[in-house]
Amino acid sequence: MRNRFDLEQDIMSAWNTVQDIDLIYHNTDKLKLSAKDCDNLQNQLLGLKHIAELRFERLFSTFEDCVHKGEL
């Protein structure tokens, strides 16, 4: 049976999405894109990375609140 520690590990594992976006961002220079297209793609990836970070921070904060309240 899974428990709150499994949930915490799953949250931390999902957080790797942010690192995945960062990895793609840092490899866009290797693509055969115009400077304008590359800049556009990088801006979109930075925005996506920021949104993902905010969502995971909110998720983990909710998890911590639930743990402190004894709900998990």
N, C-alpha and C. Protein backbone atom coordinates (compact mmCIF):
# COMPACT_ATOMS: atom_id res chain seq x y z
N MET A 1 0.84 -1.18 0.00
CA MET A 1 0.00 0.00 0.00
C MET A 1 0.89 1.25 0.00
N ARG A 2 0.53 2.18 -0.82
CA ARG A 2 1.32 3.41 -0.95
C ARG A 2 0.98 4.36 0.21
N ASN A 3 1.93 5.22 0.56
CA ASN A 3 1.72 6.15 1.67
C ASN A 3 2.17 7.56 1.28
N ARG A 4 2.18 8.44 2.27
CA ARG A 4 2.53 9.84 1.99
C ARG A 4 3.96 10.01 1.50
N PHE A 5 4.83 9.10 1.87
CA PHE A 5 6.21 9.18 1.41
C PHE A 5 6.30 8.84 -0.08
N ASP A 6 5.46 7.90 -0.52
CA ASP A 6 5.37 7.60 -1.94
C ASP A 6 4.83 8.81 -2.70
N LEU A 7 3.83 9.47 -2.11
CA LEU A 7 3.26 10.67 -2.72
C LEU A 7 4.33 11.75 -2.84
N GLU A 8 5.09 11.96 -1.78
CA GLU A 8 6.15 12.97 -1.81
C GLU A 8 7.18 12.63 -2.90
N GLN A 9 7.55 11.37 -2.99
CA GLN A 9 8.52 10.96 -4.01
C GLN A 9 7.96 11.17 -5.41
N ASP A 10 6.67 10.88 -5.60
CA ASP A 10 6.04 11.09 -6.90
C ASP A 10 6.01 12.57 -7.28
N ILE A 11 5.76 13.42 -6.29
CA ILE A 11 5.77 14.87 -6.55
C ILE A 11 7.17 15.31 -6.96
N MET A 12 8.17 14.86 -6.24
CA MET A 12 9.54 15.26 -6.54
C MET A 12 9.96 14.73 -7.92
N SER A 13 9.52 13.53 -8.24
CA SER A 13 9.83 12.96 -9.55
C SER A 13 9.17 13.76 -10.67
N ALA A 14 7.92 14.16 -10.46
CA ALA A 14 7.21 14.94 -11.46
C ALA A 14 7.87 16.30 -11.66
N TRP A 15 8.51 16.80 -10.62
CA TRP A 15 9.19 18.09 -10.69
C TRP A 15 10.31 18.07 -11.73
N ASN A 16 10.73 16.88 -12.12
CA ASN A 16 11.77 16.76 -13.15
C ASN A 16 11.32 17.38 -14.47
N THR A 17 10.03 17.60 -14.63
CA THR A 17 9.51 18.26 -15.83
C THR A 17 10.20 19.61 -16.02
N VAL A 18 10.44 20.32 -14.93
CA VAL A 18 11.10 21.63 -15.00
C VAL A 18 12.52 21.47 -15.55
N GLN A 19 13.23 20.45 -15.07
CA GLN A 19 14.59 20.21 -15.57
C GLN A 19 14.56 19.76 -17.04
N ASP A 20 13.52 19.02 -17.42
CA ASP A 20 13.39 18.59 -18.82
C ASP A 20 13.21 19.80 -19.74
N ILE A 21 12.37 20.73 -19.33
CA ILE A 21 12.17 21.95 -20.12
C ILE A 21 13.48 22.72 -20.22
N ASP A 22 14.21 22.80 -19.12
CA ASP A 22 15.49 23.50 -19.10
C ASP A 22 16.49 22.82 -20.04
N LEU A 23 16.49 21.50 -20.07
CA LEU A 23 17.38 20.77 -20.96
C LEU A 23 17.08 21.09 -22.43
N ILE A 24 15.80 21.11 -22.77
CA ILE A 24 15.42 21.46 -24.14
C ILE A 24 15.85 22.90 -24.44
N TYR A 25 15.59 23.80 -23.50
CA TYR A 25 15.96 25.21 -23.68
C TYR A 25 17.44 25.34 -24.03
N HIS A 26 18.28 24.65 -23.28
CA HIS A 26 19.73 24.79 -23.48
C HIS A 26 20.24 24.07 -24.73
N ASN A 27 19.38 23.31 -25.37
CA ASN A 27 19.78 22.63 -26.60
C ASN A 27 19.15 23.24 -27.85
N THR A 28 18.41 24.33 -27.69
CA THR A 28 17.77 24.95 -28.86
C THR A 28 18.79 25.57 -29.80
N ASP A 29 19.94 25.95 -29.29
CA ASP A 29 20.97 26.54 -30.14
C ASP A 29 21.49 25.53 -31.17
N LYS A 30 21.32 24.25 -30.89
CA LYS A 30 21.79 23.21 -31.81
C LYS A 30 20.81 22.97 -32.96
N LEU A 31 19.61 23.55 -32.85
CA LEU A 31 18.61 23.38 -33.90
C LEU A 31 18.91 24.32 -35.05
N LYS A 32 18.49 23.94 -36.21
CA LYS A 32 18.71 24.78 -37.39
C LYS A 32 17.52 25.73 -37.54
N LEU A 33 17.48 26.72 -36.65
CA LEU A 33 16.42 27.72 -36.65
C LEU A 33 17.02 29.09 -36.90
N SER A 34 16.21 29.97 -37.43
CA SER A 34 16.67 31.35 -37.54
C SER A 34 16.81 31.92 -36.13
N ALA A 35 17.57 32.99 -36.01
CA ALA A 35 17.77 33.61 -34.70
C ALA A 35 16.43 34.02 -34.09
N LYS A 36 15.54 34.55 -34.92
CA LYS A 36 14.22 34.99 -34.44
C LYS A 36 13.40 33.79 -33.95
N ASP A 37 13.40 32.70 -34.71
CA ASP A 37 12.64 31.52 -34.31
C ASP A 37 13.22 30.88 -33.04
N CYS A 38 14.54 30.86 -32.96
CA CYS A 38 15.19 30.31 -31.77
C CYS A 38 14.85 31.15 -30.54
N ASP A 39 14.91 32.45 -30.67
CA ASP A 39 14.56 33.34 -29.57
C ASP A 39 13.11 33.16 -29.16
N ASN A 40 12.22 33.02 -30.12
CA ASN A 40 10.81 32.82 -29.85
C ASN A 40 10.60 31.50 -29.09
N LEU A 41 11.24 30.44 -29.55
CA LEU A 41 11.13 29.14 -28.89
C LEU A 41 11.67 29.20 -27.46
N GLN A 42 12.82 29.83 -27.29
CA GLN A 42 13.41 29.94 -25.95
C GLN A 42 12.51 30.73 -25.01
N ASN A 43 11.89 31.80 -25.49
CA ASN A 43 10.97 32.58 -24.65
C ASN A 43 9.77 31.74 -24.24
N GLN A 44 9.25 30.95 -25.16
CA GLN A 44 8.11 30.08 -24.84
C GLN A 44 8.51 29.03 -23.81
N LEU A 45 9.70 28.45 -23.97
CA LEU A 45 10.16 27.45 -23.01
C LEU A 45 10.38 28.04 -21.63
N LEU A 46 10.93 29.25 -21.57
CA LEU A 46 11.12 29.91 -20.27
C LEU A 46 9.78 30.17 -19.59
N GLY A 47 8.79 30.57 -20.37
CA GLY A 47 7.45 30.79 -19.82
C GLY A 47 6.85 29.49 -19.31
N LEU A 48 6.98 28.43 -20.08
CA LEU A 48 6.47 27.13 -19.68
C LEU A 48 7.18 26.62 -18.42
N LYS A 49 8.49 26.81 -18.36
CA LYS A 49 9.27 26.40 -17.19
C LYS A 49 8.78 27.14 -15.94
N HIS A 50 8.55 28.43 -16.07
CA HIS A 50 8.10 29.23 -14.94
C HIS A 50 6.72 28.76 -14.45
N ILE A 51 5.82 28.51 -15.38
CA ILE A 51 4.48 28.03 -15.02
C ILE A 51 4.58 26.68 -14.30
N ALA A 52 5.41 25.78 -14.83
CA ALA A 52 5.57 24.47 -14.20
C ALA A 52 6.14 24.61 -12.79
N GLU A 53 7.13 25.47 -12.61
CA GLU A 53 7.71 25.69 -11.28
C GLU A 53 6.65 26.19 -10.31
N LEU A 54 5.84 27.15 -10.73
CA LEU A 54 4.79 27.68 -9.86
C LEU A 54 3.78 26.60 -9.47
N ARG A 55 3.39 25.77 -10.43
CA ARG A 55 2.44 24.70 -10.14
C ARG A 55 3.01 23.69 -9.16
N PHE A 56 4.27 23.30 -9.34
CA PHE A 56 4.88 22.33 -8.44
C PHE A 56 5.11 22.93 -7.05
N GLU A 57 5.46 24.19 -6.97
CA GLU A 57 5.61 24.83 -5.67
C GLU A 57 4.28 24.85 -4.93
N ARG A 58 3.20 25.16 -5.64
CA ARG A 58 1.87 25.17 -5.01
C ARG A 58 1.48 23.75 -4.59
N LEU A 59 1.74 22.77 -5.43
CA LEU A 59 1.43 21.38 -5.12
C LEU A 59 2.19 20.92 -3.88
N PHE A 60 3.47 21.20 -3.81
CA PHE A 60 4.27 20.76 -2.67
C PHE A 60 3.86 21.50 -1.41
N SER A 61 3.50 22.75 -1.52
CA SER A 61 3.01 23.51 -0.37
C SER A 61 1.72 22.88 0.17
N THR A 62 0.84 22.49 -0.72
CA THR A 62 -0.40 21.82 -0.29
C THR A 62 -0.08 20.50 0.39
N PHE A 63 0.85 19.76 -0.18
CA PHE A 63 1.27 18.49 0.42
C PHE A 63 1.80 18.72 1.83
N GLU A 64 2.69 19.69 1.99
CA GLU A 64 3.26 19.99 3.31
C GLU A 64 2.17 20.39 4.30
N ASP A 65 1.22 21.22 3.87
CA ASP A 65 0.11 21.62 4.74
C ASP A 65 -0.68 20.41 5.20
N CYS A 66 -0.95 19.50 4.29
CA CYS A 66 -1.71 18.29 4.63
C CYS A 66 -0.94 17.41 5.63
N VAL A 67 0.37 17.31 5.44
CA VAL A 67 1.19 16.53 6.36
C VAL A 67 1.17 17.16 7.75
N HIS A 68 1.34 18.48 7.82
CA HIS A 68 1.37 19.17 9.12
C HIS A 68 0.03 19.10 9.83
N LYS A 69 -1.05 19.04 9.09
CA LYS A 69 -2.38 18.95 9.68
C LYS A 69 -2.76 17.51 10.01
N GLY A 70 -1.92 16.56 9.64
CA GLY A 70 -2.19 15.16 9.91
C GLY A 70 -3.22 14.56 8.98
N GLU A 71 -3.43 15.19 7.85
CA GLU A 71 -4.43 14.70 6.90
C GLU A 71 -3.90 13.59 6.02
N LEU A 72 -2.60 13.39 6.03
CA LEU A 72 -2.01 12.30 5.22
C LEU A 72 -1.33 11.31 6.15
